[in-house]
Amino acid sequence: MIRRRPVLSVLLLLLAALAVWIWQNRVDLASFPPIVGAYSAKEYCSCRYVVGNPADYCATYVRQWLPLSDFHDDEANKRVTARGLLSTQSAAWISPREGCRLQAE
């Protein structure tokens, strides 16, 4: 089979190597999705409510290569919620001294 279809053989070998790599790093890969929403929520909250920048500036500041599927800025409660890679994270303004903190969902 290798002599008759070398491209297919190499492709299958690469696919098997990728599957082994994914299995060996499954814990680290599973912890990655919450980072996208947490980063966006925390940085936007800090930019908006601690530093006092305008909303459109902060939205540009936290823009990432991985898009958010949902984003909500609750100005009344100074709470920001961001959803990315199927994980929702929130950050809320605590005080001028403490700034913003990620909230447990």
PDB file of N, CA and C in Angstrom:
ATOM      1  N   MET A   1       0.812  -1.190   0.000  1.00  0.00           N
ATOM      2  CA  MET A   1       0.000   0.000   0.000  1.00  0.00           C
ATOM      3  C   MET A   1       0.860   1.260   0.000  1.00  0.00           C
ATOM      4  N   ILE A   2       1.991   1.224   0.692  1.00  0.00           N
ATOM      5  CA  ILE A   2       2.839   2.408   0.770  1.00  0.00           C
ATOM      6  C   ILE A   2       3.423   2.741  -0.601  1.00  0.00           C
ATOM      7  N   ARG A   3       3.813   1.736  -1.352  1.00  0.00           N
ATOM      8  CA  ARG A   3       4.374   2.002  -2.678  1.00  0.00           C
ATOM      9  C   ARG A   3       3.315   2.469  -3.657  1.00  0.00           C
ATOM     10  N   ARG A   4       2.101   1.947  -3.531  1.00  0.00           N
ATOM     11  CA  ARG A   4       1.052   2.319  -4.486  1.00  0.00           C
ATOM     12  C   ARG A   4       0.454   3.679  -4.152  1.00  0.00           C
ATOM     13  N   ARG A   5       0.349   4.016  -2.893  1.00  0.00           N
ATOM     14  CA  ARG A   5      -0.270   5.286  -2.476  1.00  0.00           C
ATOM     15  C   ARG A   5       0.587   5.962  -1.418  1.00  0.00           C
ATOM     16  N   PRO A   6       1.706   6.551  -1.796  1.00  0.00           N
ATOM     17  CA  PRO A   6       2.593   7.161  -0.786  1.00  0.00           C
ATOM     18  C   PRO A   6       1.982   8.404  -0.129  1.00  0.00           C
ATOM     19  N   VAL A   7       1.218   9.189  -0.882  1.00  0.00           N
ATOM     20  CA  VAL A   7       0.618  10.395  -0.305  1.00  0.00           C
ATOM     21  C   VAL A   7      -0.418  10.023   0.742  1.00  0.00           C
ATOM     22  N   LEU A   8      -1.247   9.050   0.446  1.00  0.00           N
ATOM     23  CA  LEU A   8      -2.258   8.589   1.398  1.00  0.00           C
ATOM     24  C   LEU A   8      -1.602   7.990   2.641  1.00  0.00           C
ATOM     25  N   SER A   9      -0.528   7.269   2.456  1.00  0.00           N
ATOM     26  CA  SER A   9       0.182   6.672   3.591  1.00  0.00           C
ATOM     27  C   SER A   9       0.762   7.738   4.512  1.00  0.00           C
ATOM     28  N   VAL A  10       1.371   8.773   3.931  1.00  0.00           N
ATOM     29  CA  VAL A  10       1.925   9.856   4.729  1.00  0.00           C
ATOM     30  C   VAL A  10       0.809  10.611   5.444  1.00  0.00           C
ATOM     31  N   LEU A  11      -0.292  10.831   4.762  1.00  0.00           N
ATOM     32  CA  LEU A  11      -1.428  11.521   5.368  1.00  0.00           C
ATOM     33  C   LEU A  11      -1.996  10.731   6.548  1.00  0.00           C
ATOM     34  N   LEU A  12      -2.121   9.432   6.399  1.00  0.00           N
ATOM     35  CA  LEU A  12      -2.610   8.597   7.499  1.00  0.00           C
ATOM     36  C   LEU A  12      -1.624   8.581   8.671  1.00  0.00           C
ATOM     37  N   LEU A  13      -0.334   8.580   8.365  1.00  0.00           N
ATOM     38  CA  LEU A  13       0.676   8.612   9.412  1.00  0.00           C
ATOM     39  C   LEU A  13       0.624   9.935  10.182  1.00  0.00           C
ATOM     40  N   LEU A  14       0.473  11.037   9.459  1.00  0.00           N
ATOM     41  CA  LEU A  14       0.339  12.343  10.114  1.00  0.00           C
ATOM     42  C   LEU A  14      -0.933  12.424  10.952  1.00  0.00           C
ATOM     43  N   LEU A  15      -2.018  11.869  10.466  1.00  0.00           N
ATOM     44  CA  LEU A  15      -3.274  11.857  11.207  1.00  0.00           C
ATOM     45  C   LEU A  15      -3.142  11.040  12.489  1.00  0.00           C
ATOM     46  N   ALA A  16      -2.456   9.910  12.404  1.00  0.00           N
ATOM     47  CA  ALA A  16      -2.232   9.087  13.603  1.00  0.00           C
ATOM     48  C   ALA A  16      -1.345   9.824  14.605  1.00  0.00           C
ATOM     49  N   ALA A  17      -0.308  10.514  14.118  1.00  0.00           N
ATOM     50  CA  ALA A  17       0.563  11.276  15.009  1.00  0.00           C
ATOM     51  C   ALA A  17      -0.210  12.415  15.675  1.00  0.00           C
ATOM     52  N   LEU A  18      -1.080  13.070  14.934  1.00  0.00           N
ATOM     53  CA  LEU A  18      -1.909  14.132  15.499  1.00  0.00           C
ATOM     54  C   LEU A  18      -2.843  13.581  16.573  1.00  0.00           C
ATOM     55  N   ALA A  19      -3.443  12.430  16.325  1.00  0.00           N
ATOM     56  CA  ALA A  19      -4.338  11.818  17.314  1.00  0.00           C
ATOM     57  C   ALA A  19      -3.584  11.468  18.595  1.00  0.00           C
ATOM     58  N   VAL A  20      -2.374  10.963  18.477  1.00  0.00           N
ATOM     59  CA  VAL A  20      -1.561  10.632  19.652  1.00  0.00           C
ATOM     60  C   VAL A  20      -1.208  11.907  20.424  1.00  0.00           C
ATOM     61  N   TRP A  21      -0.826  12.974  19.698  1.00  0.00           N
ATOM     62  CA  TRP A  21      -0.484  14.243  20.349  1.00  0.00           C
ATOM     63  C   TRP A  21      -1.681  14.822  21.085  1.00  0.00           C
ATOM     64  N   ILE A  22      -2.862  14.779  20.464  1.00  0.00           N
ATOM     65  CA  ILE A  22      -4.089  15.279  21.106  1.00  0.00           C
ATOM     66  C   ILE A  22      -4.384  14.482  22.371  1.00  0.00           C
ATOM     67  N   TRP A  23      -4.256  13.161  22.295  1.00  0.00           N
ATOM     68  CA  TRP A  23      -4.538  12.332  23.465  1.00  0.00           C
ATOM     69  C   TRP A  23      -3.562  12.628  24.604  1.00  0.00           C
ATOM     70  N   GLN A  24      -2.288  12.832  24.283  1.00  0.00           N
ATOM     71  CA  GLN A  24      -1.299  13.104  25.325  1.00  0.00           C
ATOM     72  C   GLN A  24      -1.505  14.479  25.965  1.00  0.00           C
ATOM     73  N   ASN A  25      -2.077  15.421  25.244  1.00  0.00           N
ATOM     74  CA  ASN A  25      -2.272  16.781  25.744  1.00  0.00           C
ATOM     75  C   ASN A  25      -3.738  17.112  25.992  1.00  0.00           C
ATOM     76  N   ARG A  26      -4.563  16.118  26.210  1.00  0.00           N
ATOM     77  CA  ARG A  26      -6.008  16.330  26.337  1.00  0.00           C
ATOM     78  C   ARG A  26      -6.379  17.217  27.532  1.00  0.00           C
ATOM     79  N   VAL A  27      -5.652  17.134  28.619  1.00  0.00           N
ATOM     80  CA  VAL A  27      -5.952  17.949  29.799  1.00  0.00           C
ATOM     81  C   VAL A  27      -5.668  19.421  29.502  1.00  0.00           C
ATOM     82  N   ASP A  28      -4.521  19.683  28.897  1.00  0.00           N
ATOM     83  CA  ASP A  28      -4.168  21.067  28.560  1.00  0.00           C
ATOM     84  C   ASP A  28      -5.112  21.637  27.510  1.00  0.00           C
ATOM     85  N   LEU A  29      -5.462  20.840  26.520  1.00  0.00           N
ATOM     86  CA  LEU A  29      -6.376  21.309  25.474  1.00  0.00           C
ATOM     87  C   LEU A  29      -7.775  21.574  26.029  1.00  0.00           C
ATOM     88  N   ALA A  30      -8.207  20.804  27.014  1.00  0.00           N
ATOM     89  CA  ALA A  30      -9.524  21.004  27.611  1.00  0.00           C
ATOM     90  C   ALA A  30      -9.574  22.270  28.459  1.00  0.00           C
ATOM     91  N   SER A  31      -8.436  22.695  28.978  1.00  0.00           N
ATOM     92  CA  SER A  31      -8.426  23.899  29.809  1.00  0.00           C
ATOM     93  C   SER A  31      -8.312  25.179  28.977  1.00  0.00           C
ATOM     94  N   PHE A  32      -8.115  25.075  27.688  1.00  0.00           N
ATOM     95  CA  PHE A  32      -7.950  26.252  26.847  1.00  0.00           C
ATOM     96  C   PHE A  32      -9.231  27.047  26.578  1.00  0.00           C
ATOM     97  N   PRO A  33     -10.389  26.445  26.278  1.00  0.00           N
ATOM     98  CA  PRO A  33     -11.569  27.243  25.925  1.00  0.00           C
ATOM     99  C   PRO A  33     -11.986  28.312  26.931  1.00  0.00           C
ATOM    100  N   PRO A  34     -11.939  28.083  28.238  1.00  0.00           N
ATOM    101  CA  PRO A  34     -12.327  29.160  29.153  1.00  0.00           C
ATOM    102  C   PRO A  34     -11.406  30.378  29.114  1.00  0.00           C
ATOM    103  N   ILE A  35     -10.190  30.215  28.634  1.00  0.00           N
ATOM    104  CA  ILE A  35      -9.244  31.323  28.607  1.00  0.00           C
ATOM    105  C   ILE A  35      -9.726  32.439  27.695  1.00  0.00           C
ATOM    106  N   VAL A  36     -10.365  32.108  26.581  1.00  0.00           N
ATOM    107  CA  VAL A  36     -10.790  33.110  25.607  1.00  0.00           C
ATOM    108  C   VAL A  36     -11.821  34.059  26.220  1.00  0.00           C
ATOM    109  N   GLY A  37     -12.866  33.512  26.826  1.00  0.00           N
ATOM    110  CA  GLY A  37     -13.887  34.344  27.447  1.00  0.00           C
ATOM    111  C   GLY A  37     -13.375  35.068  28.678  1.00  0.00           C
ATOM    112  N   ALA A  38     -12.540  34.399  29.466  1.00  0.00           N
ATOM    113  CA  ALA A  38     -12.017  35.005  30.689  1.00  0.00           C
ATOM    114  C   ALA A  38     -11.110  36.188  30.370  1.00  0.00           C
ATOM    115  N   TYR A  39     -10.249  36.035  29.381  1.00  0.00           N
ATOM    116  CA  TYR A  39      -9.367  37.134  28.994  1.00  0.00           C
ATOM    117  C   TYR A  39     -10.190  38.326  28.529  1.00  0.00           C
ATOM    118  N   SER A  40     -11.158  38.080  27.664  1.00  0.00           N
ATOM    119  CA  SER A  40     -11.957  39.181  27.116  1.00  0.00           C
ATOM    120  C   SER A  40     -12.749  39.888  28.206  1.00  0.00           C
ATOM    121  N   ALA A  41     -13.395  39.131  29.075  1.00  0.00           N
ATOM    122  CA  ALA A  41     -14.207  39.733  30.138  1.00  0.00           C
ATOM    123  C   ALA A  41     -13.345  40.532  31.108  1.00  0.00           C
ATOM    124  N   LYS A  42     -12.245  39.965  31.567  1.00  0.00           N
ATOM    125  CA  LYS A  42     -11.389  40.624  32.552  1.00  0.00           C
ATOM    126  C   LYS A  42     -10.716  41.861  31.977  1.00  0.00           C
ATOM    127  N   GLU A  43     -10.165  41.760  30.793  1.00  0.00           N
ATOM    128  CA  GLU A  43      -9.468  42.900  30.203  1.00  0.00           C
ATOM    129  C   GLU A  43     -10.435  44.018  29.836  1.00  0.00           C
ATOM    130  N   TYR A  44     -11.614  43.671  29.315  1.00  0.00           N
ATOM    131  CA  TYR A  44     -12.598  44.702  28.986  1.00  0.00           C
ATOM    132  C   TYR A  44     -13.075  45.404  30.258  1.00  0.00           C
ATOM    133  N   CYS A  45     -13.351  44.628  31.300  1.00  0.00           N
ATOM    134  CA  CYS A  45     -13.798  45.204  32.569  1.00  0.00           C
ATOM    135  C   CYS A  45     -12.743  46.155  33.123  1.00  0.00           C
ATOM    136  N   SER A  46     -11.482  45.744  33.092  1.00  0.00           N
ATOM    137  CA  SER A  46     -10.415  46.604  33.598  1.00  0.00           C
ATOM    138  C   SER A  46     -10.266  47.858  32.746  1.00  0.00           C
ATOM    139  N   CYS A  47     -10.331  47.694  31.436  1.00  0.00           N
ATOM    140  CA  CYS A  47     -10.195  48.834  30.524  1.00  0.00           C
ATOM    141  C   CYS A  47     -11.341  49.825  30.724  1.00  0.00           C
ATOM    142  N   ARG A  48     -12.540  49.305  30.885  1.00  0.00           N
ATOM    143  CA  ARG A  48     -13.735  50.156  30.940  1.00  0.00           C
ATOM    144  C   ARG A  48     -13.953  50.780  32.319  1.00  0.00           C
ATOM    145  N   TYR A  49     -13.877  49.963  33.368  1.00  0.00           N
ATOM    146  CA  TYR A  49     -14.293  50.425  34.688  1.00  0.00           C
ATOM    147  C   TYR A  49     -13.142  50.800  35.620  1.00  0.00           C
ATOM    148  N   VAL A  50     -11.962  50.285  35.397  1.00  0.00           N
ATOM    149  CA  VAL A  50     -10.827  50.667  36.233  1.00  0.00           C
ATOM    150  C   VAL A  50     -10.107  51.863  35.612  1.00  0.00           C
ATOM    151  N   VAL A  51      -9.796  51.749  34.327  1.00  0.00           N
ATOM    152  CA  VAL A  51      -9.070  52.818  33.646  1.00  0.00           C
ATOM    153  C   VAL A  51     -10.015  53.928  33.192  1.00  0.00           C
ATOM    154  N   GLY A  52     -11.266  53.581  32.865  1.00  0.00           N
ATOM    155  CA  GLY A  52     -12.255  54.583  32.474  1.00  0.00           C
ATOM    156  C   GLY A  52     -12.266  54.933  31.000  1.00  0.00           C
ATOM    157  N   ASN A  53     -11.811  54.016  30.150  1.00  0.00           N
ATOM    158  CA  ASN A  53     -11.822  54.260  28.708  1.00  0.00           C
ATOM    159  C   ASN A  53     -13.229  54.082  28.132  1.00  0.00           C
ATOM    160  N   PRO A  54     -13.495  54.657  26.939  1.00  0.00           N
ATOM    161  CA  PRO A  54     -14.803  54.476  26.300  1.00  0.00           C
ATOM    162  C   PRO A  54     -15.022  53.022  25.858  1.00  0.00           C
ATOM    163  N   ALA A  55     -16.281  52.640  25.721  1.00  0.00           N
ATOM    164  CA  ALA A  55     -16.641  51.254  25.395  1.00  0.00           C
ATOM    165  C   ALA A  55     -16.074  50.802  24.051  1.00  0.00           C
ATOM    166  N   ASP A  56     -16.131  51.639  23.027  1.00  0.00           N
ATOM    167  CA  ASP A  56     -15.642  51.206  21.718  1.00  0.00           C
ATOM    168  C   ASP A  56     -14.119  51.017  21.716  1.00  0.00           C
ATOM    169  N   TYR A  57     -13.401  51.835  22.472  1.00  0.00           N
ATOM    170  CA  TYR A  57     -11.951  51.654  22.588  1.00  0.00           C
ATOM    171  C   TYR A  57     -11.641  50.318  23.258  1.00  0.00           C
ATOM    172  N   CYS A  58     -12.342  50.002  24.336  1.00  0.00           N
ATOM    173  CA  CYS A  58     -12.085  48.756  25.073  1.00  0.00           C
ATOM    174  C   CYS A  58     -12.458  47.531  24.245  1.00  0.00           C
ATOM    175  N   ALA A  59     -13.524  47.649  23.449  1.00  0.00           N
ATOM    176  CA  ALA A  59     -13.904  46.527  22.586  1.00  0.00           C
ATOM    177  C   ALA A  59     -12.807  46.247  21.564  1.00  0.00           C
ATOM    178  N   THR A  60     -12.206  47.291  21.024  1.00  0.00           N
ATOM    179  CA  THR A  60     -11.096  47.115  20.085  1.00  0.00           C
ATOM    180  C   THR A  60      -9.865  46.578  20.807  1.00  0.00           C
ATOM    181  N   TYR A  61      -9.651  47.028  22.025  1.00  0.00           N
ATOM    182  CA  TYR A  61      -8.491  46.612  22.813  1.00  0.00           C
ATOM    183  C   TYR A  61      -8.487  45.105  23.086  1.00  0.00           C
ATOM    184  N   VAL A  62      -9.643  44.519  23.337  1.00  0.00           N
ATOM    185  CA  VAL A  62      -9.689  43.094  23.684  1.00  0.00           C
ATOM    186  C   VAL A  62      -9.989  42.196  22.492  1.00  0.00           C
ATOM    187  N   ARG A  63     -10.095  42.762  21.303  1.00  0.00           N
ATOM    188  CA  ARG A  63     -10.379  41.937  20.120  1.00  0.00           C
ATOM    189  C   ARG A  63      -9.269  40.914  19.940  1.00  0.00           C
ATOM    190  N   GLN A  64      -9.669  39.670  19.585  1.00  0.00           N
ATOM    191  CA  GLN A  64      -8.727  38.568  19.447  1.00  0.00           C
ATOM    192  C   GLN A  64      -8.884  37.896  18.089  1.00  0.00           C
ATOM    193  N   TRP A  65      -7.981  36.985  17.821  1.00  0.00           N
ATOM    194  CA  TRP A  65      -8.094  36.193  16.599  1.00  0.00           C
ATOM    195  C   TRP A  65      -9.236  35.210  16.712  1.00  0.00           C
ATOM    196  N   LEU A  66      -9.493  34.721  17.897  1.00  0.00           N
ATOM    197  CA  LEU A  66     -10.617  33.819  18.113  1.00  0.00           C
ATOM    198  C   LEU A  66     -11.834  34.666  18.475  1.00  0.00           C
ATOM    199  N   PRO A  67     -12.852  34.653  17.642  1.00  0.00           N
ATOM    200  CA  PRO A  67     -13.987  35.545  17.893  1.00  0.00           C
ATOM    201  C   PRO A  67     -14.846  35.082  19.067  1.00  0.00           C
ATOM    202  N   LEU A  68     -15.501  36.051  19.683  1.00  0.00           N
ATOM    203  CA  LEU A  68     -16.456  35.760  20.751  1.00  0.00           C
ATOM    204  C   LEU A  68     -17.818  35.512  20.127  1.00  0.00           C
ATOM    205  N   SER A  69     -18.552  34.548  20.668  1.00  0.00           N
ATOM    206  CA  SER A  69     -19.892  34.290  20.153  1.00  0.00           C
ATOM    207  C   SER A  69     -20.934  35.163  20.851  1.00  0.00           C
ATOM    208  N   ASP A  70     -20.608  35.683  22.035  1.00  0.00           N
ATOM    209  CA  ASP A  70     -21.530  36.563  22.750  1.00  0.00           C
ATOM    210  C   ASP A  70     -20.720  37.463  23.683  1.00  0.00           C
ATOM    211  N   PHE A  71     -21.186  38.698  23.826  1.00  0.00           N
ATOM    212  CA  PHE A  71     -20.499  39.651  24.689  1.00  0.00           C
ATOM    213  C   PHE A  71     -21.543  40.601  25.250  1.00  0.00           C
ATOM    214  N   HIS A  72     -21.530  40.795  26.571  1.00  0.00           N
ATOM    215  CA  HIS A  72     -22.517  41.666  27.198  1.00  0.00           C
ATOM    216  C   HIS A  72     -21.826  42.523  28.257  1.00  0.00           C
ATOM    217  N   ASP A  73     -22.059  43.832  28.162  1.00  0.00           N
ATOM    218  CA  ASP A  73     -21.509  44.790  29.124  1.00  0.00           C
ATOM    219  C   ASP A  73     -22.675  45.366  29.919  1.00  0.00           C
ATOM    220  N   ASP A  74     -22.804  44.971  31.173  1.00  0.00           N
ATOM    221  CA  ASP A  74     -23.858  45.467  32.063  1.00  0.00           C
ATOM    222  C   ASP A  74     -23.305  46.686  32.799  1.00  0.00           C
ATOM    223  N   GLU A  75     -23.560  47.872  32.239  1.00  0.00           N
ATOM    224  CA  GLU A  75     -23.003  49.105  32.809  1.00  0.00           C
ATOM    225  C   GLU A  75     -23.550  49.401  34.198  1.00  0.00           C
ATOM    226  N   ALA A  76     -24.805  49.061  34.451  1.00  0.00           N
ATOM    227  CA  ALA A  76     -25.415  49.359  35.751  1.00  0.00           C
ATOM    228  C   ALA A  76     -24.711  48.615  36.889  1.00  0.00           C
ATOM    229  N   ASN A  77     -24.365  47.346  36.649  1.00  0.00           N
ATOM    230  CA  ASN A  77     -23.708  46.537  37.680  1.00  0.00           C
ATOM    231  C   ASN A  77     -22.196  46.449  37.486  1.00  0.00           C
ATOM    232  N   LYS A  78     -21.679  47.097  36.439  1.00  0.00           N
ATOM    233  CA  LYS A  78     -20.254  47.045  36.093  1.00  0.00           C
ATOM    234  C   LYS A  78     -19.782  45.595  36.003  1.00  0.00           C
ATOM    235  N   ARG A  79     -20.508  44.825  35.201  1.00  0.00           N
ATOM    236  CA  ARG A  79     -20.221  43.405  35.017  1.00  0.00           C
ATOM    237  C   ARG A  79     -20.151  43.105  33.524  1.00  0.00           C
ATOM    238  N   VAL A  80     -19.155  42.334  33.122  1.00  0.00           N
ATOM    239  CA  VAL A  80     -18.939  41.994  31.717  1.00  0.00           C
ATOM    240  C   VAL A  80     -18.995  40.482  31.576  1.00  0.00           C
ATOM    241  N   THR A  81     -19.737  40.006  30.580  1.00  0.00           N
ATOM    242  CA  THR A  81     -19.848  38.575  30.302  1.00  0.00           C
ATOM    243  C   THR A  81     -19.414  38.331  28.868  1.00  0.00           C
ATOM    244  N   ALA A  82     -18.524  37.355  28.671  1.00  0.00           N
ATOM    245  CA  ALA A  82     -18.024  37.018  27.343  1.00  0.00           C
ATOM    246  C   ALA A  82     -18.116  35.518  27.135  1.00  0.00           C
ATOM    247  N   ARG A  83     -18.530  35.124  25.930  1.00  0.00           N
ATOM    248  CA  ARG A  83     -18.637  33.709  25.578  1.00  0.00           C
ATOM    249  C   ARG A  83     -17.778  33.445  24.358  1.00  0.00           C
ATOM    250  N   GLY A  84     -16.854  32.517  24.496  1.00  0.00           N
ATOM    251  CA  GLY A  84     -15.983  32.134  23.396  1.00  0.00           C
ATOM    252  C   GLY A  84     -15.618  30.672  23.513  1.00  0.00           C
ATOM    253  N   LEU A  85     -15.625  29.972  22.400  1.00  0.00           N
ATOM    254  CA  LEU A  85     -15.322  28.532  22.358  1.00  0.00           C
ATOM    255  C   LEU A  85     -16.208  27.744  23.327  1.00  0.00           C
ATOM    256  N   LEU A  86     -17.473  28.065  23.340  1.00  0.00           N
ATOM    257  CA  LEU A  86     -18.505  27.366  24.124  1.00  0.00           C
ATOM    258  C   LEU A  86     -18.317  27.493  25.643  1.00  0.00           C
ATOM    259  N   SER A  87     -17.593  28.500  26.091  1.00  0.00           N
ATOM    260  CA  SER A  87     -17.384  28.711  27.513  1.00  0.00           C
ATOM    261  C   SER A  87     -17.719  30.160  27.854  1.00  0.00           C
ATOM    262  N   THR A  88     -18.544  30.372  28.882  1.00  0.00           N
ATOM    263  CA  THR A  88     -18.953  31.714  29.282  1.00  0.00           C
ATOM    264  C   THR A  88     -18.242  32.100  30.574  1.00  0.00           C
ATOM    265  N   GLN A  89     -17.636  33.280  30.562  1.00  0.00           N
ATOM    266  CA  GLN A  89     -16.917  33.792  31.727  1.00  0.00           C
ATOM    267  C   GLN A  89     -17.380  35.212  32.012  1.00  0.00           C
ATOM    268  N   SER A  90     -17.383  35.611  33.275  1.00  0.00           N
ATOM    269  CA  SER A  90     -17.799  36.957  33.672  1.00  0.00           C
ATOM    270  C   SER A  90     -16.751  37.593  34.577  1.00  0.00           C
ATOM    271  N   ALA A  91     -16.684  38.912  34.480  1.00  0.00           N
ATOM    272  CA  ALA A  91     -15.814  39.690  35.365  1.00  0.00           C
ATOM    273  C   ALA A  91     -16.625  40.874  35.863  1.00  0.00           C
ATOM    274  N   ALA A  92     -16.418  41.242  37.127  1.00  0.00           N
ATOM    275  CA  ALA A  92     -17.163  42.355  37.715  1.00  0.00           C
ATOM    276  C   ALA A  92     -16.196  43.293  38.426  1.00  0.00           C
ATOM    277  N   TRP A  93     -16.543  44.566  38.398  1.00  0.00           N
ATOM    278  CA  TRP A  93     -15.758  45.587  39.081  1.00  0.00           C
ATOM    279  C   TRP A  93     -16.023  45.453  40.577  1.00  0.00           C
ATOM    280  N   ILE A  94     -14.974  45.396  41.375  1.00  0.00           N
ATOM    281  CA  ILE A  94     -15.096  45.225  42.818  1.00  0.00           C
ATOM    282  C   ILE A  94     -14.991  46.573  43.530  1.00  0.00           C
ATOM    283  N   SER A  95     -13.893  47.272  43.309  1.00  0.00           N
ATOM    284  CA  SER A  95     -13.654  48.571  43.952  1.00  0.00           C
ATOM    285  C   SER A  95     -12.489  49.250  43.229  1.00  0.00           C
ATOM    286  N   PRO A  96     -12.291  50.542  43.490  1.00  0.00           N
ATOM    287  CA  PRO A  96     -11.147  51.208  42.853  1.00  0.00           C
ATOM    288  C   PRO A  96      -9.809  50.575  43.251  1.00  0.00           C
ATOM    289  N   ARG A  97      -9.725  50.089  44.465  1.00  0.00           N
ATOM    290  CA  ARG A  97      -8.474  49.487  44.932  1.00  0.00           C
ATOM    291  C   ARG A  97      -8.255  48.085  44.366  1.00  0.00           C
ATOM    292  N   GLU A  98      -9.322  47.291  44.277  1.00  0.00           N
ATOM    293  CA  GLU A  98      -9.199  45.903  43.820  1.00  0.00           C
ATOM    294  C   GLU A  98      -9.401  45.728  42.318  1.00  0.00           C
ATOM    295  N   GLY A  99     -10.059  46.651  41.665  1.00  0.00           N
ATOM    296  CA  GLY A  99     -10.284  46.543  40.228  1.00  0.00           C
ATOM    297  C   GLY A  99     -11.362  45.534  39.894  1.00  0.00           C
ATOM    298  N   CYS A 100     -11.141  44.778  38.824  1.00  0.00           N
ATOM    299  CA  CYS A 100     -12.110  43.772  38.371  1.00  0.00           C
ATOM    300  C   CYS A 100     -11.628  42.373  38.743  1.00  0.00           C
ATOM    301  N   ARG A 101     -12.576  41.484  38.933  1.00  0.00           N
ATOM    302  CA  ARG A 101     -12.269  40.116  39.308  1.00  0.00           C
ATOM    303  C   ARG A 101     -13.149  39.169  38.505  1.00  0.00           C
ATOM    304  N   LEU A 102     -12.572  38.041  38.067  1.00  0.00           N
ATOM    305  CA  LEU A 102     -13.359  37.019  37.395  1.00  0.00           C
ATOM    306  C   LEU A 102     -14.355  36.419  38.380  1.00  0.00           C
ATOM    307  N   GLN A 103     -15.552  36.150  37.895  1.00  0.00           N
ATOM    308  CA  GLN A 103     -16.617  35.608  38.736  1.00  0.00           C
ATOM    309  C   GLN A 103     -16.784  34.117  38.446  1.00  0.00           C
ATOM    310  N   ALA A 104     -17.082  33.340  39.454  1.00  0.00           N
ATOM    311  CA  ALA A 104     -17.351  31.911  39.268  1.00  0.00           C
ATOM    312  C   ALA A 104     -18.710  31.742  38.632  1.00  0.00           C
ATOM    313  N   GLU A 105     -18.767  30.903  37.638  1.00  0.00           N
ATOM    314  CA  GLU A 105     -20.041  30.655  36.940  1.00  0.00           C
ATOM    315  C   GLU A 105     -20.686  29.410  37.487  1.00  0.00           C
TER     316      GLU A 105
END
